[in-house]
Amino acid sequence: MSSIDGEVRPLAEYDDVAIRFLAVLWGEGYLSPGGAEEVDRVLEGLDLGGKRVLDLGCGAGGATLHIAKAHGPAQVTGFDVEVPVIERARVAAARSGLANVSFIQSAPGRLPFPDGRFDMVFSKDALVHVPDKAAIFREIFRVLAPGGVFADSDWLISHNGEPSADMQAYLAAEGLSFGMAPAQTYIAAMTAAGFVDARSVSRNAWYRDVARIELSRLEGSLRADAVAAVGEAFVVKNIRTWTAMQKVLDSGEHCPTHLRGIKPMPRGA
C-alpha cells in the first residue's frame, strides 16, 4: 500500500504481477505472510461479533474476507489506496457471496470515514508503507469509536538510526516504499494519539523460520507455479529479495511485530 498520510507517491506498487506472485506464495488475496492463521493470531482474544471493522491497507482482500467469514462482525470494510488490489478484492468478495464486507479505494490523505465509525481497526503489514506514524495513528484513533481496539501486524526495524548495510541491501531489493521504524516509535505515536494500553510483541522468531521455508519453496516446489504465474525473471528477482531479507531476519534487525491499543471511553461513560 502506498502512503495514506497525505504524502503522494506513485500508486500500484502492488500491481497485477505482484498480486499473482504473492498469491502463489502466501495464498489468494494475501500480500503478507501467514495467511488466515496469522490474521487469527493478530486478533487473538478479541470478540468481533456484531462489530464494525476496518481493515486498513487491505490489499487484495484475503484478510478482510477471512475476518468477515470467520469472526462474525456486523460489517468489515477493506480500505486501500491502490486500485489494482481493490479491484481484485471486489472480485473475490463477489465470488464469496458474503454480505457483510465491502471495499473502498481512495487517494492518500485523510481516511474517508467519519469520526467514531468503527469498533475495531485491523491492519496487516500495511503501516510500514506510511512514513509519518504519528499522522496515521491520529487518523486511526479518530475513526475508532470510544472503547474501540486497534489490532495490527507490521514490519518494523529493531532500532533507531541508519539501517545496516544488509538492511539497505534488502530494502533496495524490495524496491517498495518502506518507512520502517522501531517499536518504540509506534508505541509513542499510539500514545500521543490517545491510545491506552499500547503494546507490542515481536514476531521475528516466527517469520525468521517461515521466510526460510518460503525461500526454499520458491527455489524448489513452488518455482514452476510461480514462473507460470509471473515469469522467470520476476521469480529470480524475488529469490534475491528473500535471500537478502533472510539476513536481516536472522540478525533481528527486521522485526515483524504485533501491536495493539485501545481508544479509551470518555470519563464518566
C-alpha atoms as a PDB file:
ATOM      1  CA  MET A   1       0.000   0.000   0.000  1.00  0.00           C
ATOM      2  CA  SER A   2       1.238   3.491  -0.766  1.00  0.00           C
ATOM      3  CA  SER A   3       1.203   6.269   1.796  1.00  0.00           C
ATOM      4  CA  ILE A   4      -2.126   7.055   3.450  1.00  0.00           C
ATOM      5  CA  ASP A   5      -0.878  10.056   5.356  1.00  0.00           C
ATOM      6  CA  GLY A   6      -1.099  12.634   2.593  1.00  0.00           C
ATOM      7  CA  GLU A   7       2.363  12.184   1.103  1.00  0.00           C
ATOM      8  CA  VAL A   8       1.628  11.341  -2.516  1.00  0.00           C
ATOM      9  CA  ARG A   9       3.767   8.667  -4.133  1.00  0.00           C
ATOM     10  CA  PRO A  10       3.140   6.562  -7.237  1.00  0.00           C
ATOM     11  CA  LEU A  11       0.349   4.108  -6.587  1.00  0.00           C
ATOM     12  CA  ALA A  12       0.130   0.453  -7.619  1.00  0.00           C
ATOM     13  CA  GLU A  13       3.316  -0.746  -6.001  1.00  0.00           C
ATOM     14  CA  TYR A  14       1.353  -3.982  -5.870  1.00  0.00           C
ATOM     15  CA  ASP A  15       0.351  -4.441  -9.498  1.00  0.00           C
ATOM     16  CA  ASP A  16      -1.254  -7.496 -11.064  1.00  0.00           C
ATOM     17  CA  VAL A  17       2.084  -9.262 -11.429  1.00  0.00           C
ATOM     18  CA  ALA A  18       2.963  -8.778  -7.755  1.00  0.00           C
ATOM     19  CA  ILE A  19      -0.541  -9.864  -6.698  1.00  0.00           C
ATOM     20  CA  ARG A  20      -0.276 -13.075  -8.739  1.00  0.00           C
ATOM     21  CA  PHE A  21       3.179 -13.858  -7.378  1.00  0.00           C
ATOM     22  CA  LEU A  22       2.196 -13.329  -3.752  1.00  0.00           C
ATOM     23  CA  ALA A  23      -0.948 -15.415  -4.223  1.00  0.00           C
ATOM     24  CA  VAL A  24       1.265 -18.355  -5.204  1.00  0.00           C
ATOM     25  CA  LEU A  25       3.488 -17.826  -2.168  1.00  0.00           C
ATOM     26  CA  TRP A  26       1.060 -16.678   0.538  1.00  0.00           C
ATOM     27  CA  GLY A  27      -2.420 -17.624  -0.712  1.00  0.00           C
ATOM     28  CA  GLU A  28      -5.079 -15.915  -2.776  1.00  0.00           C
ATOM     29  CA  GLY A  29      -5.758 -12.380  -1.602  1.00  0.00           C
ATOM     30  CA  TYR A  30      -2.776 -12.138   0.767  1.00  0.00           C
ATOM     31  CA  LEU A  31       0.045  -9.631   0.284  1.00  0.00           C
ATOM     32  CA  SER A  32       1.867 -10.519   3.505  1.00  0.00           C
ATOM     33  CA  PRO A  33       2.804 -13.796   5.171  1.00  0.00           C
ATOM     34  CA  GLY A  34       0.955 -16.141   7.473  1.00  0.00           C
ATOM     35  CA  GLY A  35      -2.445 -16.323   5.808  1.00  0.00           C
ATOM     36  CA  ALA A  36      -5.597 -16.732   7.862  1.00  0.00           C
ATOM     37  CA  GLU A  37      -3.663 -18.286  10.750  1.00  0.00           C
ATOM     38  CA  GLU A  38      -1.593 -15.152  11.316  1.00  0.00           C
ATOM     39  CA  VAL A  39      -4.689 -12.948  10.993  1.00  0.00           C
ATOM     40  CA  ASP A  40      -6.251 -15.020  13.775  1.00  0.00           C
ATOM     41  CA  ARG A  41      -3.138 -14.548  15.910  1.00  0.00           C
ATOM     42  CA  VAL A  42      -3.352 -10.762  15.500  1.00  0.00           C
ATOM     43  CA  LEU A  43      -6.988 -10.939  16.636  1.00  0.00           C
ATOM     44  CA  GLU A  44      -6.411 -13.455  19.426  1.00  0.00           C
ATOM     45  CA  GLY A  45      -8.610 -12.822  22.466  1.00  0.00           C
ATOM     46  CA  LEU A  46     -10.822 -10.257  20.720  1.00  0.00           C
ATOM     47  CA  ASP A  47     -14.560 -10.692  20.147  1.00  0.00           C
ATOM     48  CA  LEU A  48     -15.557  -9.233  16.787  1.00  0.00           C
ATOM     49  CA  GLY A  49     -19.148 -10.459  16.955  1.00  0.00           C
ATOM     50  CA  GLY A  50     -21.505  -7.738  15.721  1.00  0.00           C
ATOM     51  CA  LYS A  51     -18.657  -5.198  15.457  1.00  0.00           C
ATOM     52  CA  ARG A  52     -17.845  -2.708  12.695  1.00  0.00           C
ATOM     53  CA  VAL A  53     -14.318  -3.448  11.492  1.00  0.00           C
ATOM     54  CA  LEU A  54     -11.940  -1.515   9.238  1.00  0.00           C
ATOM     55  CA  ASP A  55      -9.148  -3.440   7.502  1.00  0.00           C
ATOM     56  CA  LEU A  56      -6.689  -0.607   6.891  1.00  0.00           C
ATOM     57  CA  GLY A  57      -4.417  -1.289   3.924  1.00  0.00           C
ATOM     58  CA  CYS A  58      -6.449  -4.335   2.990  1.00  0.00           C
ATOM     59  CA  GLY A  59      -4.574  -5.157  -0.206  1.00  0.00           C
ATOM     60  CA  ALA A  60      -6.252  -7.850  -2.286  1.00  0.00           C
ATOM     61  CA  GLY A  61      -8.713  -8.638   0.491  1.00  0.00           C
ATOM     62  CA  GLY A  62      -7.619 -12.022   1.807  1.00  0.00           C
ATOM     63  CA  ALA A  63      -7.609 -10.967   5.449  1.00  0.00           C
ATOM     64  CA  THR A  64     -10.763  -8.885   5.051  1.00  0.00           C
ATOM     65  CA  LEU A  65     -12.747 -11.799   3.670  1.00  0.00           C
ATOM     66  CA  HIS A  66     -11.400 -14.161   6.327  1.00  0.00           C
ATOM     67  CA  ILE A  67     -12.450 -11.779   9.105  1.00  0.00           C
ATOM     68  CA  ALA A  68     -15.894 -11.354   7.554  1.00  0.00           C
ATOM     69  CA  LYS A  69     -16.387 -15.109   7.282  1.00  0.00           C
ATOM     70  CA  ALA A  70     -14.738 -16.421  10.443  1.00  0.00           C
ATOM     71  CA  HIS A  71     -15.117 -13.749  13.128  1.00  0.00           C
ATOM     72  CA  GLY A  72     -18.786 -12.752  12.944  1.00  0.00           C
ATOM     73  CA  PRO A  73     -18.545  -8.962  12.522  1.00  0.00           C
ATOM     74  CA  ALA A  74     -21.553  -6.919  11.522  1.00  0.00           C
ATOM     75  CA  GLN A  75     -19.526  -5.320   8.742  1.00  0.00           C
ATOM     76  CA  VAL A  76     -15.932  -5.348   7.535  1.00  0.00           C
ATOM     77  CA  THR A  77     -14.718  -2.503   5.344  1.00  0.00           C
ATOM     78  CA  GLY A  78     -11.482  -3.018   3.460  1.00  0.00           C
ATOM     79  CA  PHE A  79      -9.640   0.175   2.554  1.00  0.00           C
ATOM     80  CA  ASP A  80      -6.602   0.697   0.359  1.00  0.00           C
ATOM     81  CA  VAL A  81      -5.185   3.489  -1.782  1.00  0.00           C
ATOM     82  CA  GLU A  82      -4.157   1.213  -4.653  1.00  0.00           C
ATOM     83  CA  VAL A  83      -6.609   0.464  -7.463  1.00  0.00           C
ATOM     84  CA  PRO A  84      -5.373  -2.979  -8.637  1.00  0.00           C
ATOM     85  CA  VAL A  85      -5.626  -4.588  -5.208  1.00  0.00           C
ATOM     86  CA  ILE A  86      -9.100  -3.185  -4.540  1.00  0.00           C
ATOM     87  CA  GLU A  87     -10.315  -4.387  -7.922  1.00  0.00           C
ATOM     88  CA  ARG A  88      -9.030  -7.866  -7.094  1.00  0.00           C
ATOM     89  CA  ALA A  89     -10.615  -7.736  -3.627  1.00  0.00           C
ATOM     90  CA  ARG A  90     -14.017  -6.745  -5.022  1.00  0.00           C
ATOM     91  CA  VAL A  91     -13.988  -9.668  -7.448  1.00  0.00           C
ATOM     92  CA  ALA A  92     -13.117 -12.041  -4.613  1.00  0.00           C
ATOM     93  CA  ALA A  93     -15.878 -10.569  -2.431  1.00  0.00           C
ATOM     94  CA  ALA A  94     -18.449 -11.043  -5.173  1.00  0.00           C
ATOM     95  CA  ARG A  95     -17.397 -14.659  -5.573  1.00  0.00           C
ATOM     96  CA  SER A  96     -17.573 -15.260  -1.820  1.00  0.00           C
ATOM     97  CA  GLY A  97     -21.213 -14.243  -1.515  1.00  0.00           C
ATOM     98  CA  LEU A  98     -20.515 -12.573   1.815  1.00  0.00           C
ATOM     99  CA  ALA A  99     -22.962  -9.789   2.598  1.00  0.00           C
ATOM    100  CA  ASN A 100     -21.006  -8.174   5.427  1.00  0.00           C
ATOM    101  CA  VAL A 101     -17.946  -6.994   3.509  1.00  0.00           C
ATOM    102  CA  SER A 102     -17.190  -4.024   1.264  1.00  0.00           C
ATOM    103  CA  PHE A 103     -14.094  -2.407  -0.220  1.00  0.00           C
ATOM    104  CA  ILE A 104     -13.255   1.270  -0.603  1.00  0.00           C
ATOM    105  CA  GLN A 105     -10.393   2.832  -2.538  1.00  0.00           C
ATOM    106  CA  SER A 106      -9.380   6.437  -2.050  1.00  0.00           C
ATOM    107  CA  ALA A 107      -6.388   8.640  -2.722  1.00  0.00           C
ATOM    108  CA  PRO A 108      -3.831   9.114   0.057  1.00  0.00           C
ATOM    109  CA  GLY A 109      -4.813  11.596   2.731  1.00  0.00           C
ATOM    110  CA  ARG A 110      -7.440  11.790   5.441  1.00  0.00           C
ATOM    111  CA  LEU A 111      -9.268   8.484   5.788  1.00  0.00           C
ATOM    112  CA  PRO A 112     -12.676   8.742   4.060  1.00  0.00           C
ATOM    113  CA  PHE A 113     -14.680   7.830   7.157  1.00  0.00           C
ATOM    114  CA  PRO A 114     -16.449   9.863   9.835  1.00  0.00           C
ATOM    115  CA  ASP A 115     -15.247  10.089  13.409  1.00  0.00           C
ATOM    116  CA  GLY A 116     -16.031   7.023  15.505  1.00  0.00           C
ATOM    117  CA  ARG A 117     -17.125   4.929  12.546  1.00  0.00           C
ATOM    118  CA  PHE A 118     -15.512   1.616  13.608  1.00  0.00           C
ATOM    119  CA  ASP A 119     -15.333  -0.586  16.685  1.00  0.00           C
ATOM    120  CA  MET A 120     -12.040  -2.061  15.532  1.00  0.00           C
ATOM    121  CA  VAL A 121      -9.250  -1.109  13.149  1.00  0.00           C
ATOM    122  CA  PHE A 122      -7.252  -4.085  11.936  1.00  0.00           C
ATOM    123  CA  SER A 123      -4.150  -3.796   9.769  1.00  0.00           C
ATOM    124  CA  LYS A 124      -1.789  -6.408   8.384  1.00  0.00           C
ATOM    125  CA  ASP A 125       1.712  -5.328   7.354  1.00  0.00           C
ATOM    126  CA  ALA A 126       0.499  -2.119   5.725  1.00  0.00           C
ATOM    127  CA  LEU A 127       1.611   0.716   8.012  1.00  0.00           C
ATOM    128  CA  VAL A 128       5.229   0.012   7.051  1.00  0.00           C
ATOM    129  CA  HIS A 129       4.380   1.995   3.925  1.00  0.00           C
ATOM    130  CA  VAL A 130       3.393   5.079   5.935  1.00  0.00           C
ATOM    131  CA  PRO A 131       6.385   7.264   6.840  1.00  0.00           C
ATOM    132  CA  ASP A 132       4.508   9.525   9.286  1.00  0.00           C
ATOM    133  CA  LYS A 133       3.449   7.173  12.069  1.00  0.00           C
ATOM    134  CA  ALA A 134       2.095   9.992  14.231  1.00  0.00           C
ATOM    135  CA  ALA A 135      -0.282  11.140  11.490  1.00  0.00           C
ATOM    136  CA  ILE A 136      -1.672   7.715  10.692  1.00  0.00           C
ATOM    137  CA  PHE A 137      -2.275   6.869  14.342  1.00  0.00           C
ATOM    138  CA  ARG A 138      -4.181  10.124  14.785  1.00  0.00           C
ATOM    139  CA  GLU A 139      -6.407   9.040  11.902  1.00  0.00           C
ATOM    140  CA  ILE A 140      -6.850   5.528  13.272  1.00  0.00           C
ATOM    141  CA  PHE A 141      -7.772   6.983  16.662  1.00  0.00           C
ATOM    142  CA  ARG A 142     -10.246   9.391  15.023  1.00  0.00           C
ATOM    143  CA  VAL A 143     -12.206   6.725  13.124  1.00  0.00           C
ATOM    144  CA  LEU A 144     -12.415   4.397  16.140  1.00  0.00           C
ATOM    145  CA  ALA A 145     -15.401   4.607  18.451  1.00  0.00           C
ATOM    146  CA  PRO A 146     -14.676   5.042  22.178  1.00  0.00           C
ATOM    147  CA  GLY A 147     -13.689   1.675  23.574  1.00  0.00           C
ATOM    148  CA  GLY A 148     -12.555   0.570  20.126  1.00  0.00           C
ATOM    149  CA  VAL A 149      -9.476  -1.568  19.557  1.00  0.00           C
ATOM    150  CA  PHE A 150      -6.553  -1.277  17.169  1.00  0.00           C
ATOM    151  CA  ALA A 151      -5.025  -4.680  16.307  1.00  0.00           C
ATOM    152  CA  ASP A 152      -2.117  -4.799  13.909  1.00  0.00           C
ATOM    153  CA  SER A 153       0.814  -6.674  12.484  1.00  0.00           C
ATOM    154  CA  ASP A 154       3.561  -4.676  10.824  1.00  0.00           C
ATOM    155  CA  TRP A 155       7.137  -4.864   9.596  1.00  0.00           C
ATOM    156  CA  LEU A 156       9.440  -2.953  11.945  1.00  0.00           C
ATOM    157  CA  ILE A 157      13.139  -2.311  12.236  1.00  0.00           C
ATOM    158  CA  SER A 158      14.730  -3.150  15.580  1.00  0.00           C
ATOM    159  CA  HIS A 159      16.472   0.190  16.171  1.00  0.00           C
ATOM    160  CA  ASN A 160      16.600   3.911  15.517  1.00  0.00           C
ATOM    161  CA  GLY A 161      19.305   5.311  13.304  1.00  0.00           C
ATOM    162  CA  GLU A 162      20.681   4.271   9.954  1.00  0.00           C
ATOM    163  CA  PRO A 163      19.852   0.789   8.661  1.00  0.00           C
ATOM    164  CA  SER A 164      22.755  -1.612   8.393  1.00  0.00           C
ATOM    165  CA  ALA A 165      24.330  -2.387   5.038  1.00  0.00           C
ATOM    166  CA  ASP A 166      22.394  -5.668   4.979  1.00  0.00           C
ATOM    167  CA  MET A 167      19.127  -3.843   5.656  1.00  0.00           C
ATOM    168  CA  GLN A 168      19.858  -1.278   2.962  1.00  0.00           C
ATOM    169  CA  ALA A 169      20.525  -4.112   0.524  1.00  0.00           C
ATOM    170  CA  TYR A 170      17.237  -5.758   1.471  1.00  0.00           C
ATOM    171  CA  LEU A 171      15.246  -2.533   1.095  1.00  0.00           C
ATOM    172  CA  ALA A 172      16.822  -1.928  -2.300  1.00  0.00           C
ATOM    173  CA  ALA A 173      15.900  -5.469  -3.354  1.00  0.00           C
ATOM    174  CA  GLU A 174      12.279  -4.967  -2.251  1.00  0.00           C
ATOM    175  CA  GLY A 175      12.009  -1.670  -4.107  1.00  0.00           C
ATOM    176  CA  LEU A 176       8.927  -0.687  -2.117  1.00  0.00           C
ATOM    177  CA  SER A 177       8.137   2.449  -0.122  1.00  0.00           C
ATOM    178  CA  PHE A 178       9.031   1.033   3.276  1.00  0.00           C
ATOM    179  CA  GLY A 179       9.073   3.555   6.123  1.00  0.00           C
ATOM    180  CA  MET A 180      10.395   1.171   8.753  1.00  0.00           C
ATOM    181  CA  ALA A 181      10.511   2.308  12.380  1.00  0.00           C
ATOM    182  CA  PRO A 182      11.188   0.602  15.731  1.00  0.00           C
ATOM    183  CA  ALA A 183       8.537  -0.487  18.205  1.00  0.00           C
ATOM    184  CA  GLN A 184       9.183   2.488  20.480  1.00  0.00           C
ATOM    185  CA  THR A 185       8.268   4.853  17.631  1.00  0.00           C
ATOM    186  CA  TYR A 186       4.961   3.046  17.102  1.00  0.00           C
ATOM    187  CA  ILE A 187       4.140   2.970  20.804  1.00  0.00           C
ATOM    188  CA  ALA A 188       4.987   6.662  21.189  1.00  0.00           C
ATOM    189  CA  ALA A 189       2.804   7.568  18.192  1.00  0.00           C
ATOM    190  CA  MET A 190      -0.084   5.490  19.510  1.00  0.00           C
ATOM    191  CA  THR A 191       0.197   7.020  22.985  1.00  0.00           C
ATOM    192  CA  ALA A 192       0.402  10.557  21.593  1.00  0.00           C
ATOM    193  CA  ALA A 193      -2.745   9.904  19.540  1.00  0.00           C
ATOM    194  CA  GLY A 194      -4.600   8.933  22.722  1.00  0.00           C
ATOM    195  CA  PHE A 195      -4.420   5.141  22.819  1.00  0.00           C
ATOM    196  CA  VAL A 196      -4.101   3.387  26.164  1.00  0.00           C
ATOM    197  CA  ASP A 197      -2.568   0.002  26.902  1.00  0.00           C
ATOM    198  CA  ALA A 198      -0.426   0.321  23.761  1.00  0.00           C
ATOM    199  CA  ARG A 199       1.819  -2.702  23.457  1.00  0.00           C
ATOM    200  CA  SER A 200       3.919  -4.691  21.004  1.00  0.00           C
ATOM    201  CA  VAL A 201       5.027  -8.312  20.624  1.00  0.00           C
ATOM    202  CA  SER A 202       7.928  -9.299  18.366  1.00  0.00           C
ATOM    203  CA  ARG A 203       7.211 -11.893  15.678  1.00  0.00           C
ATOM    204  CA  ASN A 204      10.792 -12.046  14.398  1.00  0.00           C
ATOM    205  CA  ALA A 205      11.396 -15.609  15.563  1.00  0.00           C
ATOM    206  CA  TRP A 206       8.250 -16.819  13.807  1.00  0.00           C
ATOM    207  CA  TYR A 207       8.885 -15.139  10.471  1.00  0.00           C
ATOM    208  CA  ARG A 208      12.619 -15.835  10.512  1.00  0.00           C
ATOM    209  CA  ASP A 209      11.790 -19.535  10.251  1.00  0.00           C
ATOM    210  CA  VAL A 210       8.799 -19.107   7.939  1.00  0.00           C
ATOM    211  CA  ALA A 211      10.761 -16.936   5.485  1.00  0.00           C
ATOM    212  CA  ARG A 212      13.455 -19.609   5.259  1.00  0.00           C
ATOM    213  CA  ILE A 213      10.770 -22.116   4.266  1.00  0.00           C
ATOM    214  CA  GLU A 214       9.315 -19.642   1.756  1.00  0.00           C
ATOM    215  CA  LEU A 215      12.709 -19.203   0.119  1.00  0.00           C
ATOM    216  CA  SER A 216      13.221 -22.958  -0.060  1.00  0.00           C
ATOM    217  CA  ARG A 217       9.820 -23.376  -1.705  1.00  0.00           C
ATOM    218  CA  LEU A 218      10.499 -20.574  -4.201  1.00  0.00           C
ATOM    219  CA  GLU A 219      13.700 -22.321  -5.192  1.00  0.00           C
ATOM    220  CA  GLY A 220      12.023 -25.731  -5.276  1.00  0.00           C
ATOM    221  CA  SER A 221       8.433 -26.932  -5.011  1.00  0.00           C
ATOM    222  CA  LEU A 222       6.733 -23.614  -5.844  1.00  0.00           C
ATOM    223  CA  ARG A 223       9.105 -22.447  -8.555  1.00  0.00           C
ATOM    224  CA  ALA A 224       7.219 -23.921 -11.527  1.00  0.00           C
ATOM    225  CA  ASP A 225       3.892 -22.470 -10.360  1.00  0.00           C
ATOM    226  CA  ALA A 226       5.461 -19.083  -9.673  1.00  0.00           C
ATOM    227  CA  VAL A 227       7.167 -18.976 -13.067  1.00  0.00           C
ATOM    228  CA  ALA A 228       3.883 -19.922 -14.750  1.00  0.00           C
ATOM    229  CA  ALA A 229       2.152 -17.076 -12.935  1.00  0.00           C
ATOM    230  CA  VAL A 230       4.671 -14.261 -13.381  1.00  0.00           C
ATOM    231  CA  GLY A 231       7.656 -15.420 -15.459  1.00  0.00           C
ATOM    232  CA  GLU A 232      11.192 -16.495 -14.672  1.00  0.00           C
ATOM    233  CA  ALA A 233      12.704 -13.029 -14.270  1.00  0.00           C
ATOM    234  CA  PHE A 234      10.219 -11.958 -11.591  1.00  0.00           C
ATOM    235  CA  VAL A 235      10.769 -15.160  -9.640  1.00  0.00           C
ATOM    236  CA  VAL A 236      14.561 -14.794  -9.800  1.00  0.00           C
ATOM    237  CA  LYS A 237      14.248 -11.187  -8.578  1.00  0.00           C
ATOM    238  CA  ASN A 238      12.210 -12.308  -5.579  1.00  0.00           C
ATOM    239  CA  ILE A 239      14.577 -15.153  -4.734  1.00  0.00           C
ATOM    240  CA  ARG A 240      17.251 -12.455  -4.457  1.00  0.00           C
ATOM    241  CA  THR A 241      14.890 -10.390  -2.285  1.00  0.00           C
ATOM    242  CA  TRP A 242      14.116 -13.288   0.071  1.00  0.00           C
ATOM    243  CA  THR A 243      17.814 -14.109   0.322  1.00  0.00           C
ATOM    244  CA  ALA A 244      18.551 -10.510   1.344  1.00  0.00           C
ATOM    245  CA  MET A 245      15.603 -10.485   3.744  1.00  0.00           C
ATOM    246  CA  GLN A 246      16.766 -13.653   5.473  1.00  0.00           C
ATOM    247  CA  LYS A 247      19.983 -11.936   6.549  1.00  0.00           C
ATOM    248  CA  VAL A 248      18.159  -9.138   8.397  1.00  0.00           C
ATOM    249  CA  LEU A 249      15.640 -11.547   9.884  1.00  0.00           C
ATOM    250  CA  ASP A 250      18.459 -13.707  11.199  1.00  0.00           C
ATOM    251  CA  SER A 251      20.212 -10.665  12.675  1.00  0.00           C
ATOM    252  CA  GLY A 252      16.960  -9.454  14.266  1.00  0.00           C
ATOM    253  CA  GLU A 253      17.108  -6.088  12.516  1.00  0.00           C
ATOM    254  CA  HIS A 254      13.941  -6.889  10.534  1.00  0.00           C
ATOM    255  CA  CYS A 255      11.350  -7.392  13.231  1.00  0.00           C
ATOM    256  CA  PRO A 256       7.748  -8.224  12.258  1.00  0.00           C
ATOM    257  CA  THR A 257       5.637  -7.183  15.241  1.00  0.00           C
ATOM    258  CA  HIS A 258       2.087  -7.350  16.565  1.00  0.00           C
ATOM    259  CA  LEU A 259       0.706  -4.131  18.041  1.00  0.00           C
ATOM    260  CA  ARG A 260      -2.466  -3.380  19.954  1.00  0.00           C
ATOM    261  CA  GLY A 261      -4.072  -0.397  21.651  1.00  0.00           C
ATOM    262  CA  ILE A 262      -7.436   0.811  22.948  1.00  0.00           C
ATOM    263  CA  LYS A 263      -9.283   4.083  22.446  1.00  0.00           C
ATOM    264  CA  PRO A 264     -10.496   4.903  25.962  1.00  0.00           C
ATOM    265  CA  MET A 265     -14.082   5.622  26.877  1.00  0.00           C
ATOM    266  CA  PRO A 266     -14.859   9.206  27.854  1.00  0.00           C
ATOM    267  CA  ARG A 267     -14.578   9.924  31.537  1.00  0.00           C
ATOM    268  CA  GLY A 268     -17.802   9.187  33.322  1.00  0.00           C
ATOM    269  CA  ALA A 269     -19.133   6.993  30.497  1.00  0.00           C
END
